[in-house]
N, C-alpha and C. Protein backbone atom coordinates (compact mmCIF):
# COMPACT_ATOMS: atom_id res chain seq x y z
N UNK A 1 249.25 -92.72 39.95
CA UNK A 1 248.71 -93.32 41.30
C UNK A 1 249.16 -94.73 41.81
N UNK A 2 249.46 -94.81 42.83
CA UNK A 2 249.95 -96.28 43.04
C UNK A 2 248.78 -96.71 44.07
N UNK A 3 248.20 -97.66 44.03
CA UNK A 3 247.09 -98.50 44.58
C UNK A 3 247.71 -99.60 45.19
N UNK A 4 247.39 -100.10 46.65
CA UNK A 4 247.62 -101.32 47.04
C UNK A 4 246.47 -102.10 47.53
N UNK A 5 246.50 -103.35 47.13
CA UNK A 5 245.50 -104.22 47.67
C UNK A 5 245.86 -104.75 49.12
N UNK A 6 244.88 -104.42 49.86
CA UNK A 6 245.03 -105.27 51.07
C UNK A 6 244.05 -106.32 51.45
N UNK A 7 244.68 -107.39 52.10
CA UNK A 7 244.05 -108.58 52.51
C UNK A 7 243.04 -108.24 53.52
N UNK A 8 242.11 -109.19 53.94
CA UNK A 8 241.13 -109.23 54.82
C UNK A 8 241.86 -108.83 56.14
N UNK A 9 242.96 -109.32 56.80
CA UNK A 9 243.66 -109.13 58.01
C UNK A 9 243.87 -107.64 58.25
N UNK A 10 244.45 -107.09 56.92
CA UNK A 10 244.99 -106.04 57.12
C UNK A 10 243.43 -104.45 56.88
N UNK A 11 242.78 -105.50 56.26
CA UNK A 11 241.34 -104.40 56.35
C UNK A 11 240.79 -104.33 57.72
N UNK A 12 240.62 -105.67 58.41
CA UNK A 12 239.88 -105.75 59.80
C UNK A 12 240.97 -105.05 60.71
N UNK A 13 242.19 -104.73 60.40
CA UNK A 13 242.98 -104.15 61.30
C UNK A 13 242.63 -102.53 60.97
N UNK A 14 242.58 -102.24 59.81
CA UNK A 14 242.65 -100.85 59.64
C UNK A 14 241.21 -100.13 60.49
N UNK A 15 240.22 -101.10 60.05
CA UNK A 15 238.93 -100.80 60.46
C UNK A 15 238.51 -101.37 61.98
N UNK A 16 239.29 -101.93 62.39
CA UNK A 16 238.72 -101.95 64.10
C UNK A 16 237.61 -102.81 64.10
N UNK A 17 237.39 -103.84 63.21
CA UNK A 17 236.08 -104.71 63.22
C UNK A 17 236.49 -106.09 63.25
N UNK A 18 235.72 -106.78 63.51
CA UNK A 18 235.67 -108.47 63.28
C UNK A 18 235.31 -108.68 62.03
N UNK A 19 235.55 -109.94 62.02
CA UNK A 19 235.32 -110.53 60.57
C UNK A 19 234.11 -110.43 60.44
N UNK A 20 233.14 -111.03 61.29
CA UNK A 20 231.52 -111.03 61.30
C UNK A 20 230.91 -109.72 61.06
N UNK A 21 231.49 -108.77 61.63
CA UNK A 21 231.08 -107.17 61.39
C UNK A 21 231.48 -106.83 60.26
N UNK A 22 232.43 -107.06 59.69
CA UNK A 22 232.87 -106.31 58.37
C UNK A 22 232.17 -107.10 57.40
N UNK A 23 231.45 -108.45 57.09
CA UNK A 23 231.15 -109.25 56.51
C UNK A 23 229.63 -108.52 56.20
N UNK A 24 229.09 -108.29 57.56
CA UNK A 24 228.08 -107.75 57.86
C UNK A 24 227.61 -106.65 57.04
N UNK A 25 228.67 -105.71 57.45
CA UNK A 25 228.93 -104.28 56.57
C UNK A 25 228.69 -104.38 54.95
N UNK A 26 229.74 -105.17 54.32
CA UNK A 26 229.70 -105.65 53.28
C UNK A 26 228.31 -106.01 52.50
N UNK A 27 227.43 -106.87 53.12
CA UNK A 27 226.15 -107.38 53.04
C UNK A 27 225.34 -106.34 52.80
N UNK A 28 225.21 -105.28 53.90
CA UNK A 28 224.37 -104.34 54.19
C UNK A 28 224.69 -103.06 53.28
N UNK A 29 225.51 -103.17 52.56
CA UNK A 29 226.05 -102.05 51.42
C UNK A 29 226.95 -100.71 52.20
N UNK A 30 227.42 -101.23 53.50
CA UNK A 30 228.17 -100.13 54.21
C UNK A 30 229.64 -100.28 53.66
N UNK A 31 230.01 -101.11 53.23
CA UNK A 31 231.38 -101.12 53.15
C UNK A 31 231.67 -102.08 51.56
N UNK A 32 232.61 -101.86 50.64
CA UNK A 32 233.05 -102.38 49.39
C UNK A 32 233.24 -103.84 49.55
N UNK A 33 232.54 -104.27 48.65
CA UNK A 33 233.14 -106.18 48.56
C UNK A 33 234.46 -106.03 47.89
N UNK A 34 235.30 -107.18 48.11
CA UNK A 34 236.54 -107.17 47.55
C UNK A 34 236.58 -107.55 46.60
N UNK A 35 237.78 -107.37 45.75
CA UNK A 35 237.86 -107.48 44.14
C UNK A 35 238.53 -108.97 44.26
N UNK A 36 238.48 -110.02 43.35
CA UNK A 36 238.98 -111.07 43.11
C UNK A 36 240.41 -110.95 42.70
N UNK A 37 241.50 -111.61 43.21
CA UNK A 37 242.75 -111.48 42.74
C UNK A 37 243.20 -112.92 42.24
N UNK A 38 242.67 -113.95 42.53
CA UNK A 38 242.97 -115.23 42.14
C UNK A 38 241.56 -116.24 42.41
N UNK A 39 242.46 -117.59 42.13
CA UNK A 39 240.69 -118.44 42.35
C UNK A 39 240.04 -118.65 43.68
N UNK A 40 241.19 -118.19 44.60
CA UNK A 40 240.78 -117.96 46.09
C UNK A 40 241.09 -116.85 46.85
N UNK A 41 241.90 -115.82 46.26
CA UNK A 41 242.48 -114.79 46.90
C UNK A 41 241.58 -113.45 46.80
N UNK A 42 241.05 -112.84 47.54
CA UNK A 42 240.31 -111.62 47.43
C UNK A 42 240.96 -110.44 48.36
N UNK A 43 240.91 -109.18 48.10
CA UNK A 43 241.38 -107.86 48.66
C UNK A 43 240.75 -106.65 48.25
N UNK A 44 240.90 -105.71 48.90
CA UNK A 44 240.55 -104.37 48.95
C UNK A 44 241.19 -103.41 48.67
N UNK A 45 241.26 -102.62 47.94
CA UNK A 45 242.12 -101.39 47.43
C UNK A 45 242.04 -100.56 48.17
N UNK A 46 243.48 -100.38 48.94
CA UNK A 46 243.21 -99.43 50.04
C UNK A 46 242.90 -98.06 50.00
N UNK A 47 242.89 -97.32 48.91
CA UNK A 47 242.14 -96.27 48.98
C UNK A 47 240.56 -96.14 49.32
N UNK A 48 240.05 -97.20 49.02
CA UNK A 48 238.59 -97.49 49.06
C UNK A 48 238.21 -97.96 50.66
N UNK A 49 239.51 -98.46 51.29
CA UNK A 49 239.09 -98.61 52.68
C UNK A 49 239.48 -96.93 53.42
N UNK A 50 240.58 -96.69 53.19
CA UNK A 50 240.63 -95.02 53.70
C UNK A 50 239.48 -94.24 53.50
N UNK A 51 238.95 -94.46 52.30
CA UNK A 51 237.96 -93.30 51.98
C UNK A 51 236.50 -93.65 52.68
N UNK A 52 236.23 -94.97 52.91
CA UNK A 52 235.02 -95.50 53.71
C UNK A 52 235.26 -95.06 55.45
N UNK A 53 236.81 -95.15 55.82
CA UNK A 53 236.93 -94.87 57.45
C UNK A 53 236.85 -93.22 57.36
N UNK A 54 237.30 -92.49 56.63
CA UNK A 54 237.01 -91.18 56.62
C UNK A 54 235.50 -90.95 56.86
N UNK A 55 234.59 -91.51 56.03
CA UNK A 55 233.41 -90.98 56.30
C UNK A 55 232.65 -91.53 57.42
N UNK A 56 233.08 -92.64 58.03
CA UNK A 56 232.97 -93.13 59.20
C UNK A 56 233.03 -91.99 60.01
N UNK A 57 234.30 -91.27 60.03
CA UNK A 57 234.83 -90.28 61.06
C UNK A 57 234.35 -89.45 60.79
N UNK A 58 233.70 -88.66 59.71
CA UNK A 58 233.08 -87.63 59.32
C UNK A 58 231.63 -88.07 59.79
N UNK A 59 231.19 -88.96 60.45
CA UNK A 59 229.96 -89.09 60.73
C UNK A 59 228.86 -89.21 60.00
N UNK A 60 229.32 -89.88 58.61
CA UNK A 60 228.16 -89.74 57.66
C UNK A 60 227.23 -90.85 57.97
N UNK A 61 225.94 -90.24 57.44
CA UNK A 61 224.72 -91.67 57.69
C UNK A 61 224.86 -92.68 56.95
N UNK A 62 224.15 -93.93 57.39
CA UNK A 62 224.22 -94.89 56.65
C UNK A 62 224.00 -94.93 55.16
N UNK A 63 222.85 -94.00 54.71
CA UNK A 63 222.52 -93.69 53.04
C UNK A 63 223.47 -93.02 52.74
N UNK A 64 224.59 -92.32 53.16
CA UNK A 64 225.28 -91.37 52.48
C UNK A 64 226.35 -92.62 52.28
N UNK A 65 226.96 -93.37 53.12
CA UNK A 65 227.85 -94.30 52.82
C UNK A 65 227.48 -95.05 51.90
N UNK A 66 226.18 -95.85 51.95
CA UNK A 66 225.82 -96.92 51.04
C UNK A 66 225.78 -96.13 49.80
N UNK A 67 225.67 -94.89 49.47
CA UNK A 67 226.14 -94.08 47.97
C UNK A 67 227.40 -93.87 47.68
N UNK A 68 228.01 -93.98 48.93
CA UNK A 68 229.77 -93.82 48.53
C UNK A 68 229.99 -95.08 47.82
N UNK A 69 229.65 -96.12 48.59
CA UNK A 69 230.06 -97.58 48.20
C UNK A 69 229.68 -97.86 46.88
N UNK A 70 228.21 -97.47 46.44
CA UNK A 70 227.79 -97.43 44.89
C UNK A 70 228.84 -96.75 44.25
N UNK A 71 229.31 -95.53 44.51
CA UNK A 71 229.89 -95.13 43.36
C UNK A 71 231.61 -95.30 43.42
N UNK A 72 232.02 -95.86 44.58
CA UNK A 72 233.47 -96.48 44.43
C UNK A 72 233.63 -97.54 43.54
N UNK A 73 232.29 -98.60 43.60
CA UNK A 73 232.35 -99.82 43.13
C UNK A 73 232.06 -99.60 41.43
N UNK A 74 231.44 -98.70 41.19
CA UNK A 74 231.18 -98.20 39.87
C UNK A 74 232.51 -97.46 39.28
N UNK A 75 233.42 -97.01 39.89
CA UNK A 75 234.56 -96.49 39.84
C UNK A 75 235.44 -97.41 39.40
N UNK A 76 235.45 -98.82 40.11
CA UNK A 76 236.24 -99.71 39.73
C UNK A 76 236.06 -100.54 38.11
N UNK A 77 234.48 -100.55 37.95
CA UNK A 77 234.28 -100.87 36.59
C UNK A 77 234.42 -100.05 35.45
N UNK A 78 234.41 -98.68 35.67
CA UNK A 78 234.78 -97.78 34.89
C UNK A 78 236.36 -97.59 34.62
N UNK A 79 237.60 -97.99 35.43
CA UNK A 79 238.68 -98.42 35.21
C UNK A 79 239.11 -99.31 34.47
N UNK A 80 237.88 -100.40 34.22
CA UNK A 80 238.49 -101.73 33.42
C UNK A 80 238.56 -101.15 32.12
């Protein structure tokens, strides 16, 4: 499976959110934090973005989305 890392402008465009709203969601546990790509570069795997967008479209509760975020972050660590 091929995974693409999206930089912040692409994530914001896909989500339809502002930068401040996006970071508020990350802080609240409603969106996955970015992965480190380099010293100053961060990005988010596209499949994680798509999964969270689908959960939002499916009208999942904040608690369900937070649980999904925890699961996605745990899967990242397991893949190492």
